[in-house]
C-alpha atoms as a PDB file:
ATOM      1  CA  MET A   1      -5.448  22.693  -2.623  1.00  0.00           C
ATOM      2  CA  CYS A   2      -8.574  20.637  -3.256  1.00  0.00           C
ATOM      3  CA  ILE A   3      -6.363  17.846  -4.592  1.00  0.00           C
ATOM      4  CA  GLY A   4      -4.279  18.046  -1.411  1.00  0.00           C
ATOM      5  CA  GLY A   5      -7.454  18.085   0.687  1.00  0.00           C
ATOM      6  CA  SER A   6      -8.709  14.955  -1.081  1.00  0.00           C
ATOM      7  CA  PHE A   7      -5.445  13.155  -0.290  1.00  0.00           C
ATOM      8  CA  GLY A   8      -5.352  14.431   3.319  1.00  0.00           C
ATOM      9  CA  GLY A   9      -8.649  14.979   5.131  1.00  0.00           C
ATOM     10  CA  GLY A  10     -10.702  13.098   2.566  1.00  0.00           C
ATOM     11  CA  ASN A  11      -8.409  10.090   2.411  1.00  0.00           C
ATOM     12  CA  MET A  12      -5.440   9.602   4.759  1.00  0.00           C
ATOM     13  CA  PHE A  13      -7.257  10.813   7.883  1.00  0.00           C
ATOM     14  CA  GLN A  14     -10.250   8.552   7.179  1.00  0.00           C
ATOM     15  CA  ALA A  15      -8.059   5.511   6.502  1.00  0.00           C
ATOM     16  CA  ASN A  16      -6.000   6.200   9.626  1.00  0.00           C
ATOM     17  CA  GLN A  17      -9.018   6.438  11.943  1.00  0.00           C
ATOM     18  CA  ALA A  18     -10.634   3.331  10.471  1.00  0.00           C
ATOM     19  CA  ALA A  19      -7.394   1.349  10.800  1.00  0.00           C
ATOM     20  CA  GLN A  20      -6.974   2.469  14.398  1.00  0.00           C
ATOM     21  CA  MET A  21     -10.515   1.431  15.336  1.00  0.00           C
ATOM     22  CA  VAL A  22     -10.119  -1.996  13.738  1.00  0.00           C
ATOM     23  CA  GLU A  23      -6.730  -2.459  15.447  1.00  0.00           C
ATOM     24  CA  ASN A  24      -8.220  -1.491  18.820  1.00  0.00           C
ATOM     25  CA  ILE A  25     -11.274  -3.729  18.545  1.00  0.00           C
ATOM     26  CA  THR A  26      -9.142  -6.734  17.546  1.00  0.00           C
ATOM     27  CA  GLY A  27      -6.820  -6.524  20.536  1.00  0.00           C
ATOM     28  CA  GLY A  28      -4.817  -3.284  20.427  1.00  0.00           C
ATOM     29  CA  THR A  29      -1.123  -4.116  20.806  1.00  0.00           C
ATOM     30  CA  GLU A  30      -2.065  -7.801  20.583  1.00  0.00           C
ATOM     31  CA  SER A  31      -3.989  -7.305  17.338  1.00  0.00           C
ATOM     32  CA  PHE A  32      -2.917  -9.008  14.124  1.00  0.00           C
ATOM     33  CA  LEU A  33      -2.924  -5.495  12.627  1.00  0.00           C
ATOM     34  CA  TYR A  34      -0.470  -4.045  15.161  1.00  0.00           C
ATOM     35  CA  GLY A  35       2.468  -2.801  13.118  1.00  0.00           C
ATOM     36  CA  TYR A  36       0.718  -3.844   9.904  1.00  0.00           C
ATOM     37  CA  LYS A  37      -1.969  -1.193   9.480  1.00  0.00           C
ATOM     38  CA  TRP A  38      -0.744  -0.716   5.929  1.00  0.00           C
ATOM     39  CA  ALA A  39      -2.359  -4.108   5.183  1.00  0.00           C
ATOM     40  CA  PHE A  40      -5.733  -2.715   6.247  1.00  0.00           C
ATOM     41  CA  GLY A  41      -5.028   0.296   4.029  1.00  0.00           C
ATOM     42  CA  LEU A  42      -4.321  -1.995   1.094  1.00  0.00           C
ATOM     43  CA  PHE A  43      -7.617  -3.791   1.703  1.00  0.00           C
ATOM     44  CA  MET A  44      -9.499  -0.469   1.784  1.00  0.00           C
ATOM     45  CA  ALA A  45      -7.642   0.833  -1.272  1.00  0.00           C
ATOM     46  CA  VAL A  46      -8.842  -2.122  -3.350  1.00  0.00           C
ATOM     47  CA  PHE A  47     -12.500  -1.460  -2.508  1.00  0.00           C
ATOM     48  CA  VAL A  48     -12.131   2.304  -2.960  1.00  0.00           C
ATOM     49  CA  GLY A  49     -10.517   1.711  -6.358  1.00  0.00           C
ATOM     50  CA  ILE A  50     -13.360  -0.560  -7.459  1.00  0.00           C
ATOM     51  CA  VAL A  51     -15.948   2.124  -6.666  1.00  0.00           C
ATOM     52  CA  ILE A  52     -14.182   5.285  -7.894  1.00  0.00           C
ATOM     53  CA  ILE A  53     -13.312   3.771 -11.265  1.00  0.00           C
ATOM     54  CA  GLY A  54     -17.059   3.566 -11.883  1.00  0.00           C
ATOM     55  CA  GLY A  55     -17.425   7.372 -11.698  1.00  0.00           C
ATOM     56  CA  ILE A  56     -20.020   9.633 -10.083  1.00  0.00           C
ATOM     57  CA  LYS A  57     -23.008   7.300 -10.585  1.00  0.00           C
ATOM     58  CA  SER A  58     -21.173   4.433  -8.918  1.00  0.00           C
ATOM     59  CA  ILE A  59     -20.114   6.726  -6.056  1.00  0.00           C
ATOM     60  CA  ALA A  60     -23.703   7.966  -5.584  1.00  0.00           C
ATOM     61  CA  LYS A  61     -25.128   4.440  -5.470  1.00  0.00           C
ATOM     62  CA  VAL A  62     -22.717   3.372  -2.733  1.00  0.00           C
ATOM     63  CA  THR A  63     -22.968   6.504  -0.549  1.00  0.00           C
ATOM     64  CA  ASP A  64     -26.781   6.581  -0.868  1.00  0.00           C
ATOM     65  CA  LYS A  65     -26.896   3.232   0.929  1.00  0.00           C
ATOM     66  CA  ILE A  66     -24.004   3.597   3.393  1.00  0.00           C
ATOM     67  CA  VAL A  67     -24.542   7.097   4.809  1.00  0.00           C
ATOM     68  CA  PRO A  68     -28.198   6.812   5.976  1.00  0.00           C
ATOM     69  CA  PHE A  69     -27.460   3.386   7.512  1.00  0.00           C
ATOM     70  CA  MET A  70     -24.439   4.769   9.355  1.00  0.00           C
ATOM     71  CA  VAL A  71     -26.270   7.855  10.661  1.00  0.00           C
ATOM     72  CA  VAL A  72     -29.250   5.816  11.903  1.00  0.00           C
ATOM     73  CA  ILE A  73     -26.941   3.448  13.818  1.00  0.00           C
ATOM     74  CA  TYR A  74     -24.913   6.248  15.406  1.00  0.00           C
ATOM     75  CA  VAL A  75     -27.855   8.486  16.292  1.00  0.00           C
ATOM     76  CA  GLY A  76     -29.813   5.507  17.638  1.00  0.00           C
ATOM     77  CA  ALA A  77     -26.950   4.467  19.915  1.00  0.00           C
ATOM     78  CA  SER A  78     -26.420   8.066  21.070  1.00  0.00           C
ATOM     79  CA  LEU A  79     -30.107   8.402  21.992  1.00  0.00           C
ATOM     80  CA  TRP A  80     -29.916   5.071  23.812  1.00  0.00           C
ATOM     81  CA  VAL A  81     -27.028   6.302  25.957  1.00  0.00           C
ATOM     82  CA  ILE A  82     -28.583   9.741  26.518  1.00  0.00           C
ATOM     83  CA  PHE A  83     -31.982   8.388  27.588  1.00  0.00           C
ATOM     84  CA  ALA A  84     -30.344   5.713  29.727  1.00  0.00           C
ATOM     85  CA  ARG A  85     -28.948   8.579  31.796  1.00  0.00           C
ATOM     86  CA  PHE A  86     -31.688  11.094  31.143  1.00  0.00           C
ATOM     87  CA  ASP A  87     -31.312  12.750  34.539  1.00  0.00           C
ATOM     88  CA  MET A  88     -27.790  13.930  33.617  1.00  0.00           C
ATOM     89  CA  ILE A  89     -28.678  15.800  30.397  1.00  0.00           C
ATOM     90  CA  GLY A  90     -29.252  19.133  32.163  1.00  0.00           C
ATOM     91  CA  GLU A  91     -25.939  18.849  33.993  1.00  0.00           C
ATOM     92  CA  ALA A  92     -24.178  17.979  30.730  1.00  0.00           C
ATOM     93  CA  PHE A  93     -25.446  21.148  29.008  1.00  0.00           C
ATOM     94  CA  THR A  94     -24.475  23.159  32.081  1.00  0.00           C
ATOM     95  CA  GLN A  95     -20.913  21.826  31.831  1.00  0.00           C
ATOM     96  CA  ILE A  96     -20.774  22.713  28.114  1.00  0.00           C
ATOM     97  CA  ILE A  97     -21.992  26.281  28.710  1.00  0.00           C
ATOM     98  CA  ASP A  98     -19.779  26.794  31.775  1.00  0.00           C
ATOM     99  CA  GLY A  99     -16.749  25.497  29.901  1.00  0.00           C
ATOM    100  CA  ALA A 100     -17.398  27.831  26.985  1.00  0.00           C
ATOM    101  CA  PHE A 101     -18.292  31.026  28.841  1.00  0.00           C
ATOM    102  CA  SER A 102     -16.687  30.777  32.279  1.00  0.00           C
ATOM    103  CA  PRO A 103     -14.108  33.513  33.092  1.00  0.00           C
ATOM    104  CA  GLU A 104     -11.427  30.832  33.405  1.00  0.00           C
ATOM    105  CA  GLY A 105     -12.272  29.421  29.985  1.00  0.00           C
ATOM    106  CA  VAL A 106     -12.315  32.827  28.292  1.00  0.00           C
ATOM    107  CA  ALA A 107      -9.128  34.024  29.961  1.00  0.00           C
ATOM    108  CA  GLY A 108      -7.367  30.702  29.593  1.00  0.00           C
ATOM    109  CA  GLY A 109      -7.464  30.362  25.846  1.00  0.00           C
ATOM    110  CA  ALA A 110     -10.547  31.672  24.081  1.00  0.00           C
ATOM    111  CA  ILE A 111      -8.656  32.389  20.859  1.00  0.00           C
ATOM    112  CA  GLY A 112      -6.901  29.021  20.882  1.00  0.00           C
ATOM    113  CA  VAL A 113     -10.150  27.157  21.543  1.00  0.00           C
ATOM    114  CA  LEU A 114     -11.904  29.200  18.855  1.00  0.00           C
ATOM    115  CA  ILE A 115      -9.234  28.331  16.291  1.00  0.00           C
ATOM    116  CA  GLN A 116      -9.359  24.654  17.271  1.00  0.00           C
ATOM    117  CA  GLY A 117     -13.148  24.798  16.998  1.00  0.00           C
ATOM    118  CA  PHE A 118     -12.949  26.244  13.491  1.00  0.00           C
ATOM    119  CA  ARG A 119     -10.453  23.565  12.464  1.00  0.00           C
ATOM    120  CA  ARG A 120     -12.573  20.687  13.704  1.00  0.00           C
ATOM    121  CA  ALA A 121     -15.844  22.210  12.460  1.00  0.00           C
ATOM    122  CA  ALA A 122     -14.456  22.614   8.947  1.00  0.00           C
ATOM    123  CA  PHE A 123     -13.175  19.053   9.158  1.00  0.00           C
ATOM    124  CA  SER A 124     -16.567  17.862  10.382  1.00  0.00           C
ATOM    125  CA  ASN A 125     -19.009  19.407   7.918  1.00  0.00           C
ATOM    126  CA  GLU A 126     -16.837  21.132   5.260  1.00  0.00           C
ATOM    127  CA  ALA A 127     -19.040  24.244   5.452  1.00  0.00           C
ATOM    128  CA  GLY A 128     -17.350  27.082   3.577  1.00  0.00           C
ATOM    129  CA  VAL A 129     -14.549  24.872   2.283  1.00  0.00           C
ATOM    130  CA  GLY A 130     -15.993  24.510  -1.212  1.00  0.00           C
ATOM    131  CA  SER A 131     -15.765  20.734  -1.499  1.00  0.00           C
ATOM    132  CA  ALA A 132     -19.415  19.708  -1.053  1.00  0.00           C
ATOM    133  CA  SER A 133     -20.508  22.223  -3.709  1.00  0.00           C
ATOM    134  CA  ILE A 134     -18.612  20.112  -6.262  1.00  0.00           C
ATOM    135  CA  ALA A 135     -20.957  17.189  -5.575  1.00  0.00           C
ATOM    136  CA  HIS A 136     -24.071  19.376  -5.464  1.00  0.00           C
ATOM    137  CA  SER A 137     -23.162  20.934  -8.802  1.00  0.00           C
ATOM    138  CA  ALA A 138     -23.527  17.493 -10.443  1.00  0.00           C
ATOM    139  CA  VAL A 139     -27.266  17.477  -9.607  1.00  0.00           C
ATOM    140  CA  LYS A 140     -29.746  18.230 -12.379  1.00  0.00           C
ATOM    141  CA  THR A 141     -32.266  20.793 -11.148  1.00  0.00           C
ATOM    142  CA  LYS A 142     -34.241  23.675 -12.609  1.00  0.00           C
ATOM    143  CA  TYR A 143     -33.458  25.932  -9.650  1.00  0.00           C
ATOM    144  CA  ALA A 144     -29.941  26.045  -8.201  1.00  0.00           C
ATOM    145  CA  ALA A 145     -31.266  27.456  -4.916  1.00  0.00           C
ATOM    146  CA  SER A 146     -33.287  24.270  -4.307  1.00  0.00           C
ATOM    147  CA  GLU A 147     -30.059  22.262  -4.156  1.00  0.00           C
ATOM    148  CA  GLY A 148     -28.491  24.974  -1.998  1.00  0.00           C
ATOM    149  CA  LEU A 149     -31.260  24.547   0.579  1.00  0.00           C
ATOM    150  CA  VAL A 150     -30.672  20.792   0.584  1.00  0.00           C
ATOM    151  CA  ALA A 151     -26.966  21.462   1.173  1.00  0.00           C
ATOM    152  CA  LEU A 152     -27.813  23.552   4.249  1.00  0.00           C
ATOM    153  CA  LEU A 153     -29.090  20.415   5.975  1.00  0.00           C
ATOM    154  CA  GLU A 154     -25.639  18.798   5.939  1.00  0.00           C
ATOM    155  CA  PRO A 155     -23.834  20.993   8.506  1.00  0.00           C
ATOM    156  CA  PHE A 156     -26.976  21.070  10.662  1.00  0.00           C
ATOM    157  CA  ILE A 157     -27.315  17.274  10.853  1.00  0.00           C
ATOM    158  CA  ASP A 158     -23.583  16.625  11.060  1.00  0.00           C
ATOM    159  CA  THR A 159     -22.464  19.293  13.527  1.00  0.00           C
ATOM    160  CA  VAL A 160     -25.531  20.515  15.409  1.00  0.00           C
ATOM    161  CA  VAL A 161     -27.222  17.109  15.808  1.00  0.00           C
ATOM    162  CA  VAL A 162     -24.552  14.381  15.633  1.00  0.00           C
ATOM    163  CA  CYS A 163     -21.680  16.290  17.274  1.00  0.00           C
ATOM    164  CA  THR A 164     -23.921  17.575  20.075  1.00  0.00           C
ATOM    165  CA  MET A 165     -25.091  14.025  20.735  1.00  0.00           C
ATOM    166  CA  THR A 166     -21.477  12.849  20.877  1.00  0.00           C
ATOM    167  CA  ALA A 167     -20.603  15.612  23.343  1.00  0.00           C
ATOM    168  CA  LEU A 168     -23.546  14.655  25.566  1.00  0.00           C
ATOM    169  CA  VAL A 169     -22.557  10.980  25.473  1.00  0.00           C
ATOM    170  CA  LEU A 170     -18.970  11.815  26.455  1.00  0.00           C
ATOM    171  CA  ILE A 171     -20.022  14.064  29.331  1.00  0.00           C
ATOM    172  CA  ILE A 172     -22.812  11.981  30.861  1.00  0.00           C
ATOM    173  CA  THR A 173     -20.686   8.831  30.779  1.00  0.00           C
ATOM    174  CA  GLY A 174     -17.882  10.658  32.590  1.00  0.00           C
ATOM    175  CA  ASN A 175     -15.421  10.364  29.712  1.00  0.00           C
ATOM    176  CA  VAL A 176     -14.631  14.096  29.603  1.00  0.00           C
ATOM    177  CA  SER A 177     -12.498  15.309  32.496  1.00  0.00           C
ATOM    178  CA  ALA A 178      -9.420  17.359  33.329  1.00  0.00           C
ATOM    179  CA  GLU A 179      -7.308  14.201  33.050  1.00  0.00           C
ATOM    180  CA  ASN A 180      -8.122  13.669  29.369  1.00  0.00           C
ATOM    181  CA  ALA A 181      -8.520  17.312  28.358  1.00  0.00           C
ATOM    182  CA  GLY A 182      -5.174  17.205  26.596  1.00  0.00           C
ATOM    183  CA  LEU A 183      -5.881  13.922  24.850  1.00  0.00           C
ATOM    184  CA  ASN A 184      -4.152  13.682  21.494  1.00  0.00           C
ATOM    185  CA  ASP A 185      -6.066  13.272  18.251  1.00  0.00           C
ATOM    186  CA  ALA A 186      -4.993   9.653  17.845  1.00  0.00           C
ATOM    187  CA  ASP A 187      -6.772   8.595  21.065  1.00  0.00           C
ATOM    188  CA  ALA A 188      -9.870  10.782  20.699  1.00  0.00           C
ATOM    189  CA  ILE A 189     -11.876   8.229  18.700  1.00  0.00           C
ATOM    190  CA  LEU A 190     -11.022   5.539  21.262  1.00  0.00           C
ATOM    191  CA  LEU A 191     -12.420   7.843  23.982  1.00  0.00           C
ATOM    192  CA  THR A 192     -15.738   7.974  22.110  1.00  0.00           C
ATOM    193  CA  SER A 193     -15.740   4.195  21.740  1.00  0.00           C
ATOM    194  CA  GLY A 194     -15.115   3.806  25.482  1.00  0.00           C
ATOM    195  CA  ALA A 195     -17.963   6.189  26.298  1.00  0.00           C
ATOM    196  CA  PHE A 196     -20.461   4.115  24.331  1.00  0.00           C
ATOM    197  CA  GLU A 197     -19.034   0.866  25.721  1.00  0.00           C
ATOM    198  CA  SER A 198     -19.693   2.023  29.309  1.00  0.00           C
ATOM    199  CA  VAL A 199     -23.445   1.859  28.571  1.00  0.00           C
ATOM    200  CA  ILE A 200     -23.684  -0.519  25.592  1.00  0.00           C
ATOM    201  CA  SER A 201     -21.026  -3.195  26.062  1.00  0.00           C
ATOM    202  CA  TRP A 202     -21.181  -4.488  22.498  1.00  0.00           C
ATOM    203  CA  PHE A 203     -21.386  -1.106  20.752  1.00  0.00           C
ATOM    204  CA  PRO A 204     -17.632  -0.671  20.032  1.00  0.00           C
ATOM    205  CA  TYR A 205     -18.025  -3.411  17.409  1.00  0.00           C
ATOM    206  CA  VAL A 206     -20.911  -1.557  15.773  1.00  0.00           C
ATOM    207  CA  LEU A 207     -19.049   1.760  16.070  1.00  0.00           C
ATOM    208  CA  THR A 208     -16.026   0.225  14.390  1.00  0.00           C
ATOM    209  CA  LEU A 209     -18.226  -0.861  11.493  1.00  0.00           C
ATOM    210  CA  ALA A 210     -19.774   2.626  11.330  1.00  0.00           C
ATOM    211  CA  VAL A 211     -16.333   4.303  11.342  1.00  0.00           C
ATOM    212  CA  VAL A 212     -15.089   2.012   8.547  1.00  0.00           C
ATOM    213  CA  LEU A 213     -18.220   2.681   6.473  1.00  0.00           C
ATOM    214  CA  PHE A 214     -17.996   6.405   7.146  1.00  0.00           C
ATOM    215  CA  ALA A 215     -14.319   6.418   6.148  1.00  0.00           C
ATOM    216  CA  PHE A 216     -15.135   4.487   2.990  1.00  0.00           C
ATOM    217  CA  SER A 217     -18.010   6.772   1.944  1.00  0.00           C
ATOM    218  CA  THR A 218     -15.954   9.898   2.716  1.00  0.00           C
ATOM    219  CA  MET A 219     -12.998   8.635   0.702  1.00  0.00           C
ATOM    220  CA  ILE A 220     -15.007   7.853  -2.397  1.00  0.00           C
ATOM    221  CA  SER A 221     -16.815  11.219  -2.169  1.00  0.00           C
ATOM    222  CA  TRP A 222     -13.560  13.161  -1.790  1.00  0.00           C
ATOM    223  CA  SER A 223     -12.037  11.220  -4.695  1.00  0.00           C
ATOM    224  CA  TYR A 224     -14.678  12.852  -6.888  1.00  0.00           C
ATOM    225  CA  TYR A 225     -13.899  16.331  -5.519  1.00  0.00           C
ATOM    226  CA  GLY A 226     -10.174  15.862  -5.988  1.00  0.00           C
ATOM    227  CA  TYR A 227     -10.563  14.467  -9.478  1.00  0.00           C
ATOM    228  CA  GLN A 228     -12.616  17.477 -10.618  1.00  0.00           C
ATOM    229  CA  ALA A 229      -9.780  19.774  -9.504  1.00  0.00           C
ATOM    230  CA  TRP A 230      -7.196  17.433 -11.071  1.00  0.00           C
ATOM    231  CA  ALA A 231      -9.084  17.373 -14.385  1.00  0.00           C
ATOM    232  CA  TYR A 232      -9.361  21.172 -14.370  1.00  0.00           C
ATOM    233  CA  LEU A 233      -5.569  21.453 -14.080  1.00  0.00           C
ATOM    234  CA  PHE A 234      -4.436  18.541 -16.244  1.00  0.00           C
ATOM    235  CA  GLY A 235      -7.329  17.857 -18.604  1.00  0.00           C
ATOM    236  CA  ARG A 236      -9.976  15.144 -18.869  1.00  0.00           C
ATOM    237  CA  THR A 237      -8.160  12.276 -20.506  1.00  0.00           C
ATOM    238  CA  THR A 238      -8.109   8.609 -19.600  1.00  0.00           C
ATOM    239  CA  ARG A 239      -4.441   8.888 -18.614  1.00  0.00           C
ATOM    240  CA  THR A 240      -4.929  11.819 -16.244  1.00  0.00           C
ATOM    241  CA  GLU A 241      -8.040  10.219 -14.733  1.00  0.00           C
ATOM    242  CA  TYR A 242      -6.337   6.923 -13.912  1.00  0.00           C
ATOM    243  CA  THR A 243      -3.181   8.701 -12.718  1.00  0.00           C
ATOM    244  CA  TYR A 244      -5.230  10.563 -10.098  1.00  0.00           C
ATOM    245  CA  LYS A 245      -7.263   7.531  -9.054  1.00  0.00           C
ATOM    246  CA  ILE A 246      -4.171   5.352  -8.641  1.00  0.00           C
ATOM    247  CA  LEU A 247      -2.482   8.088  -6.594  1.00  0.00           C
ATOM    248  CA  PHE A 248      -5.611   8.375  -4.466  1.00  0.00           C
ATOM    249  CA  CYS A 249      -5.578   4.645  -3.714  1.00  0.00           C
ATOM    250  CA  VAL A 250      -1.860   4.796  -2.848  1.00  0.00           C
ATOM    251  CA  PHE A 251      -2.608   7.515  -0.283  1.00  0.00           C
ATOM    252  CA  VAL A 252      -5.177   5.217   1.364  1.00  0.00           C
ATOM    253  CA  VAL A 253      -2.328   2.829   2.214  1.00  0.00           C
ATOM    254  CA  ILE A 254      -0.012   5.662   3.296  1.00  0.00           C
ATOM    255  CA  GLY A 255      -2.717   7.175   5.525  1.00  0.00           C
ATOM    256  CA  SER A 256      -3.370   3.880   7.294  1.00  0.00           C
ATOM    257  CA  ALA A 257       0.280   3.472   8.276  1.00  0.00           C
ATOM    258  CA  ALA A 258       1.234   7.143   8.878  1.00  0.00           C
ATOM    259  CA  SER A 259       1.290   9.051  12.176  1.00  0.00           C
ATOM    260  CA  LEU A 260      -2.099  10.678  12.749  1.00  0.00           C
ATOM    261  CA  GLY A 261      -0.532  13.927  13.970  1.00  0.00           C
ATOM    262  CA  ASN A 262       1.239  14.422  10.635  1.00  0.00           C
ATOM    263  CA  VAL A 263      -1.882  13.440   8.715  1.00  0.00           C
ATOM    264  CA  ILE A 264      -4.039  15.991  10.575  1.00  0.00           C
ATOM    265  CA  GLY A 265      -1.440  18.732  10.177  1.00  0.00           C
ATOM    266  CA  PHE A 266      -1.317  18.195   6.416  1.00  0.00           C
ATOM    267  CA  SER A 267      -5.107  17.868   6.143  1.00  0.00           C
ATOM    268  CA  ASP A 268      -5.792  21.051   8.122  1.00  0.00           C
ATOM    269  CA  ALA A 269      -3.335  23.013   5.983  1.00  0.00           C
ATOM    270  CA  MET A 270      -4.944  21.861   2.732  1.00  0.00           C
ATOM    271  CA  ILE A 271      -8.518  22.428   3.903  1.00  0.00           C
ATOM    272  CA  PHE A 272      -7.662  25.905   5.220  1.00  0.00           C
ATOM    273  CA  SER A 273      -5.975  26.724   1.904  1.00  0.00           C
ATOM    274  CA  MET A 274      -9.154  25.666   0.083  1.00  0.00           C
ATOM    275  CA  MET A 275     -11.349  27.727   2.380  1.00  0.00           C
ATOM    276  CA  VAL A 276      -9.637  31.112   1.861  1.00  0.00           C
ATOM    277  CA  PRO A 277     -10.344  31.567  -1.889  1.00  0.00           C
ATOM    278  CA  ASN A 278     -13.730  29.868  -1.512  1.00  0.00           C
ATOM    279  CA  MET A 279     -14.875  32.314   1.177  1.00  0.00           C
ATOM    280  CA  ILE A 280     -13.818  35.221  -1.046  1.00  0.00           C
ATOM    281  CA  GLY A 281     -15.864  33.685  -3.855  1.00  0.00           C
ATOM    282  CA  ILE A 282     -18.883  33.272  -1.572  1.00  0.00           C
ATOM    283  CA  VAL A 283     -18.819  36.974  -0.671  1.00  0.00           C
ATOM    284  CA  LEU A 284     -18.445  38.046  -4.303  1.00  0.00           C
ATOM    285  CA  LEU A 285     -21.256  35.745  -5.440  1.00  0.00           C
ATOM    286  CA  ALA A 286     -23.664  36.652  -2.607  1.00  0.00           C
ATOM    287  CA  PRO A 287     -25.806  38.963  -4.812  1.00  0.00           C
ATOM    288  CA  LYS A 288     -26.215  36.173  -7.383  1.00  0.00           C
ATOM    289  CA  VAL A 289     -27.141  33.710  -4.639  1.00  0.00           C
ATOM    290  CA  LYS A 290     -29.803  36.140  -3.425  1.00  0.00           C
ATOM    291  CA  ARG A 291     -31.246  36.475  -6.944  1.00  0.00           C
ATOM    292  CA  GLU A 292     -31.350  32.669  -7.355  1.00  0.00           C
ATOM    293  CA  LEU A 293     -33.081  32.262  -3.995  1.00  0.00           C
ATOM    294  CA  ASN A 294     -35.664  34.947  -4.825  1.00  0.00           C
ATOM    295  CA  ARG A 295     -36.314  33.285  -8.195  1.00  0.00           C
ATOM    296  CA  TYR A 296     -36.853  29.916  -6.527  1.00  0.00           C
ATOM    297  CA  MET A 297     -39.116  31.308  -3.795  1.00  0.00           C
ATOM    298  CA  SER A 298     -41.178  33.161  -6.426  1.00  0.00           C
ATOM    299  CA  ALA A 299     -41.616  29.893  -8.358  1.00  0.00           C
ATOM    300  CA  ILE A 300     -42.838  28.162  -5.184  1.00  0.00           C
ATOM    301  CA  LYS A 301     -45.356  30.944  -4.520  1.00  0.00           C
ATOM    302  CA  LEU A 302     -46.654  30.784  -8.089  1.00  0.00           C
ATOM    303  CA  LYS A 303     -47.042  27.022  -7.886  1.00  0.00           C
ATOM    304  CA  SER A 304     -48.819  27.359  -4.545  1.00  0.00           C
ATOM    305  CA  LYS A 305     -51.286  29.898  -6.001  1.00  0.00           C
ATOM    306  CA  ALA A 306     -51.897  27.641  -8.994  1.00  0.00           C
ATOM    307  CA  LEU A 307     -52.730  24.729  -6.680  1.00  0.00           C
ATOM    308  CA  ASP A 308     -55.095  26.928  -4.674  1.00  0.00           C
END
C-alpha cells in the first residue's frame, strides 16, 4: 500500500496539481500546455529521476533547500493578505466556528464532513499514515524519542499553521461562499490562487512556483518511502531499485495527464490502506514509545543537573 501511496498521493496528485497551476498561469485554455500536460510531466519526471537516482543523501540536500524557501514564501504571502484585511480576522474565525458547530452544519452532514476532513488531513500532513516515519528512521540519533519530537512539529506547522492561514485568506477575500461550496478538487487550487491574486496581483506567479517546488520535493520524498517498501518486498538489488525508480518517473507523466478525480480516488484508497495497519502498530507500540520518551527526558534532566 505504501508503494501505491507513493505512486498516487506522493506522485500523480502532485504532478497533476503542478501541471494545472502552470497551465492556468500560462493562459488556461489558451496555454501551450492545454491538452499537452503530459509534456510538463515528462519535464518533471526527468528532474525527479536525476535526484532520486542519487539516493537519500541527494534527496535530503534538495528538500533541505526547497521546503524552507517554499514555506517562507507561502506564510509570508498569507500574513500579507491577512494583515491587509486585519479587521476581518475575527469575522473569519466566527464563520469557521459557525460552519463547524451550527445546528445546520451538524444536522446537514457532520459525518460526511468529518470523513472528508480526515481524508484531506491525512493527505496534508500524513500523520498516522506511517510514511514520514520511514524518513525519520534514516536519522542517526542516540535517542529515538528526540526524532519523534521533531516529527511532531510537521503536522502542527503544516495543518494548524499553514492550513489555517489558507482558510483565513480564502474567507477574508470572499472566495468561500455557498456558490463554490461544491467546488471540485480540480478547481480548488485555482480558488486559492484567485484569493491571493485579489490582494497581491502578481502572487499567482509566485504561488505557481511554490506549488511546483512543493510537488517536486514531495515526489522525491515519497519516492524514498515507496522504494523502502519495494525493497522490502522484492529485495535490494540494482535491478529492483531501478525498476521502481523508472516506474515512479513514468507515473509522474501519467499523473500530469490524468483526471484529478481518478488520481485522488486512487491516492485516498492507498493512503487509507496504509493507515489501518500503521494505526494498529502505533497502539501496540505505545508502551515502547513511552519508555523511549521517559529515557530521553531522563537524559535531558541528567544533562541539565550536570550543567548546573
